[in-house]
PDB file of all heavy atoms in Angstrom:
ATOM      1  N   VAL A   1       6.945 -50.924  25.892  1.00  0.00           N
ATOM      2  CA  VAL A   1       6.718 -50.984  27.345  1.00  0.00           C
ATOM      3  C   VAL A   1       5.433 -50.240  27.663  1.00  0.00           C
ATOM      4  O   VAL A   1       4.633 -50.660  28.519  1.00  0.00           O
ATOM      5  CB  VAL A   1       7.848 -50.368  28.185  1.00  0.00           C
ATOM      6  CG1 VAL A   1       7.521 -50.327  29.634  1.00  0.00           C
ATOM      7  CG2 VAL A   1       9.069 -51.323  27.974  1.00  0.00           C
ATOM      8  N   MET A   2       5.205 -49.053  27.024  1.00  0.00           N
ATOM      9  CA  MET A   2       4.080 -48.260  27.346  1.00  0.00           C
ATOM     10  C   MET A   2       2.780 -48.697  26.641  1.00  0.00           C
ATOM     11  O   MET A   2       1.673 -48.582  27.181  1.00  0.00           O
ATOM     12  CB  MET A   2       4.336 -46.799  26.996  1.00  0.00           C
ATOM     13  CG  MET A   2       5.416 -46.177  27.902  1.00  0.00           C
ATOM     14  SD  MET A   2       5.588 -44.347  27.643  1.00  0.00           S
ATOM     15  CE  MET A   2       6.152 -44.370  25.881  1.00  0.00           C
ATOM     16  N   ASN A   3       2.926 -49.175  25.411  1.00  0.00           N
ATOM     17  CA  ASN A   3       1.732 -49.542  24.649  1.00  0.00           C
ATOM     18  C   ASN A   3       1.532 -51.053  24.452  1.00  0.00           C
ATOM     19  O   ASN A   3       0.465 -51.477  23.983  1.00  0.00           O
ATOM     20  CB  ASN A   3       1.793 -48.840  23.247  1.00  0.00           C
ATOM     21  CG  ASN A   3       1.687 -47.404  23.310  1.00  0.00           C
ATOM     22  OD1 ASN A   3       1.195 -46.792  24.324  1.00  0.00           O
ATOM     23  ND2 ASN A   3       2.151 -46.674  22.268  1.00  0.00           N
ATOM     24  N   GLY A   4       2.492 -51.834  24.821  1.00  0.00           N
ATOM     25  CA  GLY A   4       2.423 -53.318  24.672  1.00  0.00           C
ATOM     26  C   GLY A   4       2.930 -53.792  23.243  1.00  0.00           C
ATOM     27  O   GLY A   4       2.855 -52.974  22.346  1.00  0.00           O
ATOM     28  N   LEU A   5       3.314 -55.005  23.258  1.00  0.00           N
ATOM     29  CA  LEU A   5       3.752 -55.660  22.006  1.00  0.00           C
ATOM     30  C   LEU A   5       2.861 -56.839  21.716  1.00  0.00           C
ATOM     31  O   LEU A   5       2.642 -57.645  22.617  1.00  0.00           O
ATOM     32  CB  LEU A   5       5.195 -56.160  22.126  1.00  0.00           C
ATOM     33  CG  LEU A   5       5.728 -56.907  20.891  1.00  0.00           C
ATOM     34  CD1 LEU A   5       5.855 -55.922  19.695  1.00  0.00           C
ATOM     35  CD2 LEU A   5       7.036 -57.520  21.210  1.00  0.00           C
ATOM     36  N   THR A   6       2.226 -56.936  20.550  1.00  0.00           N
ATOM     37  CA  THR A   6       1.381 -58.035  20.156  1.00  0.00           C
ATOM     38  C   THR A   6       2.199 -58.906  19.174  1.00  0.00           C
ATOM     39  O   THR A   6       2.640 -58.391  18.182  1.00  0.00           O
ATOM     40  CB  THR A   6       0.090 -57.566  19.484  1.00  0.00           C
ATOM     41  OG1 THR A   6      -0.629 -56.727  20.383  1.00  0.00           O
ATOM     42  CG2 THR A   6      -0.770 -58.806  19.168  1.00  0.00           C
ATOM     43  N   VAL A   7       2.367 -60.171  19.537  1.00  0.00           N
ATOM     44  CA  VAL A   7       3.013 -61.132  18.693  1.00  0.00           C
ATOM     45  C   VAL A   7       1.941 -61.957  18.025  1.00  0.00           C
ATOM     46  O   VAL A   7       1.182 -62.633  18.692  1.00  0.00           O
ATOM     47  CB  VAL A   7       3.997 -62.007  19.478  1.00  0.00           C
ATOM     48  CG1 VAL A   7       4.582 -63.069  18.566  1.00  0.00           C
ATOM     49  CG2 VAL A   7       5.095 -61.187  20.098  1.00  0.00           C
ATOM     50  N   TRP A   8       1.871 -61.954  16.653  1.00  0.00           N
ATOM     51  CA  TRP A   8       0.905 -62.717  15.978  1.00  0.00           C
ATOM     52  C   TRP A   8       1.491 -64.014  15.371  1.00  0.00           C
ATOM     53  O   TRP A   8       2.603 -63.935  14.807  1.00  0.00           O
ATOM     54  CB  TRP A   8       0.292 -61.866  14.781  1.00  0.00           C
ATOM     55  CG  TRP A   8      -0.552 -60.693  15.254  1.00  0.00           C
ATOM     56  CD1 TRP A   8      -0.044 -59.423  15.401  1.00  0.00           C
ATOM     57  CD2 TRP A   8      -1.814 -60.712  15.695  1.00  0.00           C
ATOM     58  NE1 TRP A   8      -1.113 -58.617  15.810  1.00  0.00           N
ATOM     59  CE2 TRP A   8      -2.207 -59.380  16.080  1.00  0.00           C
ATOM     60  CE3 TRP A   8      -2.845 -61.725  15.828  1.00  0.00           C
ATOM     61  CZ2 TRP A   8      -3.479 -59.003  16.437  1.00  0.00           C
ATOM     62  CZ3 TRP A   8      -4.108 -61.414  16.264  1.00  0.00           C
ATOM     63  CH2 TRP A   8      -4.374 -60.075  16.569  1.00  0.00           C
ATOM     64  N   LEU A   9       0.899 -65.113  15.646  1.00  0.00           N
ATOM     65  CA  LEU A   9       1.357 -66.375  15.170  1.00  0.00           C
ATOM     66  C   LEU A   9       0.288 -67.103  14.422  1.00  0.00           C
ATOM     67  O   LEU A   9      -0.873 -67.182  14.808  1.00  0.00           O
ATOM     68  CB  LEU A   9       1.742 -67.263  16.431  1.00  0.00           C
ATOM     69  CG  LEU A   9       2.789 -66.732  17.366  1.00  0.00           C
ATOM     70  CD1 LEU A   9       2.856 -67.526  18.653  1.00  0.00           C
ATOM     71  CD2 LEU A   9       4.193 -66.744  16.643  1.00  0.00           C
ATOM     72  N   LYS A  10       0.692 -67.769  13.322  1.00  0.00           N
ATOM     73  CA  LYS A  10      -0.228 -68.510  12.488  1.00  0.00           C
ATOM     74  C   LYS A  10       0.534 -69.562  11.753  1.00  0.00           C
ATOM     75  O   LYS A  10       1.544 -69.254  11.053  1.00  0.00           O
ATOM     76  CB  LYS A  10      -0.957 -67.615  11.545  1.00  0.00           C
ATOM     77  CG  LYS A  10      -2.120 -68.354  10.743  1.00  0.00           C
ATOM     78  CD  LYS A  10      -2.830 -67.387   9.837  1.00  0.00           C
ATOM     79  CE  LYS A  10      -3.966 -68.125   9.126  1.00  0.00           C
ATOM     80  NZ  LYS A  10      -3.607 -69.291   8.373  1.00  0.00           N
ATOM     81  N   ALA A  11       0.086 -70.792  11.758  1.00  0.00           N
ATOM     82  CA  ALA A  11       0.665 -71.849  10.942  1.00  0.00           C
ATOM     83  C   ALA A  11       0.190 -71.817   9.523  1.00  0.00           C
ATOM     84  O   ALA A  11      -0.810 -71.127   9.213  1.00  0.00           O
ATOM     85  CB  ALA A  11       0.359 -73.222  11.580  1.00  0.00           C
ATOM     86  N   LYS A  12       0.915 -72.372   8.626  1.00  0.00           N
ATOM     87  CA  LYS A  12       0.536 -72.309   7.213  1.00  0.00           C
ATOM     88  C   LYS A  12      -0.778 -72.963   6.986  1.00  0.00           C
ATOM     89  O   LYS A  12      -1.093 -73.963   7.571  1.00  0.00           O
ATOM     90  CB  LYS A  12       1.636 -73.028   6.393  1.00  0.00           C
ATOM     91  CG  LYS A  12       1.430 -72.973   4.867  1.00  0.00           C
ATOM     92  CD  LYS A  12       2.534 -73.654   4.136  1.00  0.00           C
ATOM     93  CE  LYS A  12       2.342 -73.582   2.641  1.00  0.00           C
ATOM     94  NZ  LYS A  12       3.447 -74.303   1.893  1.00  0.00           N
ATOM     95  N   GLY A  13      -1.610 -72.356   6.054  1.00  0.00           N
ATOM     96  CA  GLY A  13      -2.931 -72.914   5.752  1.00  0.00           C
ATOM     97  C   GLY A  13      -4.050 -71.901   6.088  1.00  0.00           C
ATOM     98  O   GLY A  13      -4.024 -71.314   7.137  1.00  0.00           O
ATOM     99  N   LEU A  14      -5.060 -71.845   5.242  1.00  0.00           N
ATOM    100  CA  LEU A  14      -6.063 -70.880   5.384  1.00  0.00           C
ATOM    101  C   LEU A  14      -6.926 -71.215   6.671  1.00  0.00           C
ATOM    102  O   LEU A  14      -7.475 -70.323   7.281  1.00  0.00           O
ATOM    103  CB  LEU A  14      -7.005 -70.884   4.173  1.00  0.00           C
ATOM    104  CG  LEU A  14      -6.381 -70.349   2.884  1.00  0.00           C
ATOM    105  CD1 LEU A  14      -7.335 -70.479   1.741  1.00  0.00           C
ATOM    106  CD2 LEU A  14      -5.956 -68.897   3.059  1.00  0.00           C
ATOM    107  N   LYS A  15      -7.069 -72.455   6.992  1.00  0.00           N
ATOM    108  CA  LYS A  15      -7.896 -72.842   8.115  1.00  0.00           C
ATOM    109  C   LYS A  15      -7.131 -72.946   9.460  1.00  0.00           C
ATOM    110  O   LYS A  15      -7.726 -73.234  10.514  1.00  0.00           O
ATOM    111  CB  LYS A  15      -8.569 -74.205   7.793  1.00  0.00           C
ATOM    112  CG  LYS A  15      -9.589 -74.144   6.653  1.00  0.00           C
ATOM    113  CD  LYS A  15     -10.277 -75.490   6.423  1.00  0.00           C
ATOM    114  CE  LYS A  15     -11.236 -75.416   5.377  1.00  0.00           C
ATOM    115  NZ  LYS A  15     -11.939 -76.696   5.138  1.00  0.00           N
ATOM    116  N   SER A  16      -5.837 -72.674   9.456  1.00  0.00           N
ATOM    117  CA  SER A  16      -5.069 -72.711  10.649  1.00  0.00           C
ATOM    118  C   SER A  16      -5.460 -71.588  11.585  1.00  0.00           C
ATOM    119  O   SER A  16      -5.713 -70.453  11.105  1.00  0.00           O
ATOM    120  CB  SER A  16      -3.621 -72.640  10.388  1.00  0.00           C
ATOM    121  OG  SER A  16      -3.192 -73.753   9.534  1.00  0.00           O
ATOM    122  N   PRO A  17      -5.480 -71.843  12.877  1.00  0.00           N
ATOM    123  CA  PRO A  17      -5.846 -70.697  13.785  1.00  0.00           C
ATOM    124  C   PRO A  17      -4.795 -69.670  13.832  1.00  0.00           C
ATOM    125  O   PRO A  17      -3.624 -69.925  13.617  1.00  0.00           O
ATOM    126  CB  PRO A  17      -5.996 -71.473  15.148  1.00  0.00           C
ATOM    127  CG  PRO A  17      -5.108 -72.679  14.957  1.00  0.00           C
ATOM    128  CD  PRO A  17      -5.244 -73.077  13.560  1.00  0.00           C
ATOM    129  N   LYS A  18      -5.246 -68.457  14.151  1.00  0.00           N
ATOM    130  CA  LYS A  18      -4.293 -67.331  14.232  1.00  0.00           C
ATOM    131  C   LYS A  18      -4.467 -66.755  15.691  1.00  0.00           C
ATOM    132  O   LYS A  18      -5.546 -66.561  16.184  1.00  0.00           O
ATOM    133  CB  LYS A  18      -4.699 -66.183  13.251  1.00  0.00           C
ATOM    134  CG  LYS A  18      -3.804 -64.954  13.369  1.00  0.00           C
ATOM    135  CD  LYS A  18      -4.212 -63.928  12.297  1.00  0.00           C
ATOM    136  CE  LYS A  18      -3.352 -62.705  12.353  1.00  0.00           C
ATOM    137  NZ  LYS A  18      -3.764 -61.666  11.405  1.00  0.00           N
ATOM    138  N   TYR A  19      -3.313 -66.554  16.312  1.00  0.00           N
ATOM    139  CA  TYR A  19      -3.321 -66.055  17.694  1.00  0.00           C
ATOM    140  C   TYR A  19      -2.454 -64.862  17.826  1.00  0.00           C
ATOM    141  O   TYR A  19      -1.450 -64.654  17.136  1.00  0.00           O
ATOM    142  CB  TYR A  19      -2.746 -67.135  18.629  1.00  0.00           C
ATOM    143  CG  TYR A  19      -3.586 -68.395  18.736  1.00  0.00           C
ATOM    144  CD1 TYR A  19      -3.280 -69.492  17.966  1.00  0.00           C
ATOM    145  CD2 TYR A  19      -4.731 -68.414  19.518  1.00  0.00           C
ATOM    146  CE1 TYR A  19      -4.019 -70.643  18.094  1.00  0.00           C
ATOM    147  CE2 TYR A  19      -5.545 -69.535  19.579  1.00  0.00           C
ATOM    148  CZ  TYR A  19      -5.149 -70.696  18.904  1.00  0.00           C
ATOM    149  OH  TYR A  19      -5.924 -71.808  18.949  1.00  0.00           O
ATOM    150  N   GLY A  20      -2.900 -63.951  18.745  1.00  0.00           N
ATOM    151  CA  GLY A  20      -2.085 -62.774  19.091  1.00  0.00           C
ATOM    152  C   GLY A  20      -1.920 -62.741  20.596  1.00  0.00           C
ATOM    153  O   GLY A  20      -2.867 -62.983  21.352  1.00  0.00           O
ATOM    154  N   ILE A  21      -0.738 -62.462  21.013  1.00  0.00           N
ATOM    155  CA  ILE A  21      -0.455 -62.308  22.499  1.00  0.00           C
ATOM    156  C   ILE A  21       0.075 -60.959  22.749  1.00  0.00           C
ATOM    157  O   ILE A  21       1.105 -60.558  22.134  1.00  0.00           O
ATOM    158  CB  ILE A  21       0.573 -63.394  22.938  1.00  0.00           C
ATOM    159  CG1 ILE A  21       0.092 -64.803  22.614  1.00  0.00           C
ATOM    160  CG2 ILE A  21       0.837 -63.229  24.431  1.00  0.00           C
ATOM    161  CD1 ILE A  21       0.508 -65.313  21.210  1.00  0.00           C
ATOM    162  N   LYS A  22      -0.621 -60.185  23.563  1.00  0.00           N
ATOM    163  CA  LYS A  22      -0.234 -58.804  23.845  1.00  0.00           C
ATOM    164  C   LYS A  22       0.246 -58.676  25.268  1.00  0.00           C
ATOM    165  O   LYS A  22      -0.456 -59.001  26.235  1.00  0.00           O
ATOM    166  CB  LYS A  22      -1.409 -57.864  23.587  1.00  0.00           C
ATOM    167  CG  LYS A  22      -1.011 -56.365  23.874  1.00  0.00           C
ATOM    168  CD  LYS A  22      -2.173 -55.400  23.551  1.00  0.00           C
ATOM    169  CE  LYS A  22      -1.757 -53.988  23.762  1.00  0.00           C
ATOM    170  NZ  LYS A  22      -2.852 -53.011  23.536  1.00  0.00           N
ATOM    171  N   TYR A  23       1.483 -58.071  25.380  1.00  0.00           N
ATOM    172  CA  TYR A  23       2.070 -57.827  26.659  1.00  0.00           C
ATOM    173  C   TYR A  23       3.162 -56.781  26.502  1.00  0.00           C
ATOM    174  O   TYR A  23       3.896 -56.856  25.489  1.00  0.00           O
ATOM    175  CB  TYR A  23       2.660 -59.128  27.266  1.00  0.00           C
ATOM    176  CG  TYR A  23       3.269 -58.890  28.632  1.00  0.00           C
ATOM    177  CD1 TYR A  23       2.446 -58.775  29.821  1.00  0.00           C
ATOM    178  CD2 TYR A  23       4.652 -58.775  28.781  1.00  0.00           C
ATOM    179  CE1 TYR A  23       3.000 -58.581  31.036  1.00  0.00           C
ATOM    180  CE2 TYR A  23       5.195 -58.509  30.039  1.00  0.00           C
ATOM    181  CZ  TYR A  23       4.418 -58.404  31.125  1.00  0.00           C
ATOM    182  OH  TYR A  23       4.954 -58.216  32.402  1.00  0.00           O
ATOM    183  N   PRO A  24       3.326 -55.814  27.413  1.00  0.00           N
ATOM    184  CA  PRO A  24       2.481 -55.614  28.591  1.00  0.00           C
ATOM    185  C   PRO A  24       1.090 -55.032  28.117  1.00  0.00           C
ATOM    186  O   PRO A  24       0.916 -54.496  27.025  1.00  0.00           O
ATOM    187  CB  PRO A  24       3.215 -54.529  29.325  1.00  0.00           C
ATOM    188  CG  PRO A  24       4.599 -54.465  28.731  1.00  0.00           C
ATOM    189  CD  PRO A  24       4.449 -54.891  27.320  1.00  0.00           C
ATOM    190  N   ILE A  25       0.078 -55.166  28.967  1.00  0.00           N
ATOM    191  CA  ILE A  25      -1.177 -54.543  28.805  1.00  0.00           C
ATOM    192  C   ILE A  25      -0.997 -53.114  29.212  1.00  0.00           C
ATOM    193  O   ILE A  25      -0.275 -52.790  30.194  1.00  0.00           O
ATOM    194  CB  ILE A  25      -2.311 -55.156  29.645  1.00  0.00           C
ATOM    195  CG1 ILE A  25      -2.454 -56.641  29.213  1.00  0.00           C
ATOM    196  CG2 ILE A  25      -3.609 -54.455  29.468  1.00  0.00           C
ATOM    197  CD1 ILE A  25      -3.445 -57.489  30.056  1.00  0.00           C
ATOM    198  N   LYS A  26      -1.560 -52.162  28.468  1.00  0.00           N
ATOM    199  CA  LYS A  26      -1.288 -50.692  28.738  1.00  0.00           C
ATOM    200  C   LYS A  26      -1.535 -50.380  30.179  1.00  0.00           C
ATOM    201  O   LYS A  26      -2.649 -50.649  30.688  1.00  0.00           O
ATOM    202  CB  LYS A  26      -2.154 -49.887  27.849  1.00  0.00           C
ATOM    203  CG  LYS A  26      -1.681 -48.442  27.755  1.00  0.00           C
ATOM    204  CD  LYS A  26      -2.373 -47.672  26.682  1.00  0.00           C
ATOM    205  CE  LYS A  26      -1.837 -46.233  26.556  1.00  0.00           C
ATOM    206  NZ  LYS A  26      -2.469 -45.481  25.499  1.00  0.00           N
ATOM    207  N   PRO A  27      -0.588 -49.822  30.834  1.00  0.00           N
ATOM    208  CA  PRO A  27      -0.744 -49.528  32.347  1.00  0.00           C
ATOM    209  C   PRO A  27      -1.764 -48.432  32.575  1.00  0.00           C
ATOM    210  O   PRO A  27      -1.989 -47.572  31.748  1.00  0.00           O
ATOM    211  CB  PRO A  27       0.662 -49.230  32.754  1.00  0.00           C
ATOM    212  CG  PRO A  27       1.248 -48.626  31.547  1.00  0.00           C
ATOM    213  CD  PRO A  27       0.712 -49.406  30.388  1.00  0.00           C
ATOM    214  N   GLU A  28      -2.213 -48.477  33.869  1.00  0.00           N
ATOM    215  CA  GLU A  28      -3.100 -47.439  34.291  1.00  0.00           C
ATOM    216  C   GLU A  28      -2.459 -46.034  34.445  1.00  0.00           C
ATOM    217  O   GLU A  28      -3.038 -45.049  34.238  1.00  0.00           O
ATOM    218  CB  GLU A  28      -3.823 -47.810  35.553  1.00  0.00           C
ATOM    219  CG  GLU A  28      -4.731 -49.056  35.403  1.00  0.00           C
ATOM    220  CD  GLU A  28      -5.373 -49.440  36.706  1.00  0.00           C
ATOM    221  OE1 GLU A  28      -5.131 -48.782  37.729  1.00  0.00           O
ATOM    222  OE2 GLU A  28      -6.116 -50.479  36.714  1.00  0.00           O
ATOM    223  N   ALA A  29      -1.189 -46.147  34.847  1.00  0.00           N
ATOM    224  CA  ALA A  29      -0.486 -44.852  35.093  1.00  0.00           C
ATOM    225  C   ALA A  29      -0.347 -44.049  33.758  1.00  0.00           C
ATOM    226  O   ALA A  29      -0.298 -44.627  32.688  1.00  0.00           O
ATOM    227  CB  ALA A  29       0.900 -45.154  35.589  1.00  0.00           C
ATOM    228  N   ASP A  30      -0.426 -42.792  33.829  1.00  0.00           N
ATOM    229  CA  ASP A  30      -0.425 -41.957  32.702  1.00  0.00           C
ATOM    230  C   ASP A  30       1.026 -41.657  32.240  1.00  0.00           C
ATOM    231  O   ASP A  30       1.707 -40.841  32.782  1.00  0.00           O
ATOM    232  CB  ASP A  30      -1.111 -40.634  33.001  1.00  0.00           C
ATOM    233  CG  ASP A  30      -1.259 -39.772  31.791  1.00  0.00           C
ATOM    234  OD1 ASP A  30      -0.901 -40.200  30.653  1.00  0.00           O
ATOM    235  OD2 ASP A  30      -1.815 -38.619  31.946  1.00  0.00           O
ATOM    236  N   PHE A  31       1.410 -42.369  31.189  1.00  0.00           N
ATOM    237  CA  PHE A  31       2.772 -42.164  30.637  1.00  0.00           C
ATOM    238  C   PHE A  31       2.706 -41.387  29.347  1.00  0.00           C
ATOM    239  O   PHE A  31       3.602 -41.494  28.565  1.00  0.00           O
ATOM    240  CB  PHE A  31       3.435 -43.563  30.376  1.00  0.00           C
ATOM    241  CG  PHE A  31       3.799 -44.266  31.618  1.00  0.00           C
ATOM    242  CD1 PHE A  31       3.084 -45.407  31.992  1.00  0.00           C
ATOM    243  CD2 PHE A  31       4.789 -43.865  32.383  1.00  0.00           C
ATOM    244  CE1 PHE A  31       3.356 -46.065  33.118  1.00  0.00           C
ATOM    245  CE2 PHE A  31       5.136 -44.536  33.517  1.00  0.00           C
ATOM    246  CZ  PHE A  31       4.459 -45.714  33.933  1.00  0.00           C
ATOM    247  N   ARG A  32       1.668 -40.675  29.128  1.00  0.00           N
ATOM    248  CA  ARG A  32       1.584 -39.840  27.875  1.00  0.00           C
ATOM    249  C   ARG A  32       2.637 -38.744  27.892  1.00  0.00           C
ATOM    250  O   ARG A  32       3.157 -38.304  28.882  1.00  0.00           O
ATOM    251  CB  ARG A  32       0.168 -39.213  27.813  1.00  0.00           C
ATOM    252  CG  ARG A  32      -0.958 -40.214  27.635  1.00  0.00           C
ATOM    253  CD  ARG A  32      -2.306 -39.517  27.665  1.00  0.00           C
ATOM    254  NE  ARG A  32      -2.493 -38.945  29.011  1.00  0.00           N
ATOM    255  CZ  ARG A  32      -3.561 -38.166  29.340  1.00  0.00           C
ATOM    256  NH1 ARG A  32      -4.474 -37.951  28.410  1.00  0.00           N
ATOM    257  NH2 ARG A  32      -3.681 -37.665  30.513  1.00  0.00           N
ATOM    258  N   ASN A  33       2.910 -38.359  26.670  1.00  0.00           N
ATOM    259  CA  ASN A  33       3.867 -37.268  26.450  1.00  0.00           C
ATOM    260  C   ASN A  33       5.221 -37.560  27.115  1.00  0.00           C
ATOM    261  O   ASN A  33       5.814 -36.774  27.816  1.00  0.00           O
ATOM    262  CB  ASN A  33       3.345 -35.932  27.098  1.00  0.00           C
ATOM    263  CG  ASN A  33       1.989 -35.579  26.417  1.00  0.00           C
ATOM    264  OD1 ASN A  33       1.824 -35.648  25.217  1.00  0.00           O
ATOM    265  ND2 ASN A  33       1.089 -35.121  27.230  1.00  0.00           N
ATOM    266  N   LEU A  34       5.677 -38.776  26.889  1.00  0.00           N
ATOM    267  CA  LEU A  34       6.931 -39.238  27.415  1.00  0.00           C
ATOM    268  C   LEU A  34       8.098 -38.287  27.059  1.00  0.00           C
ATOM    269  O   LEU A  34       8.914 -37.894  27.883  1.00  0.00           O
ATOM    270  CB  LEU A  34       7.305 -40.645  26.913  1.00  0.00           C
ATOM    271  CG  LEU A  34       8.651 -41.221  27.355  1.00  0.00           C
ATOM    272  CD1 LEU A  34       8.684 -41.348  28.954  1.00  0.00           C
ATOM    273  CD2 LEU A  34       8.950 -42.527  26.739  1.00  0.00           C
TER     274      LEU A  34
END
């Protein structure tokens, strides 16, 4: 929740595209030192 999760997806094959989806994007509020 604080740093985001990136899910990487890629189909089989060297030339297949690779995608990453990151959510949540790190919020502006300071959640350091939880």
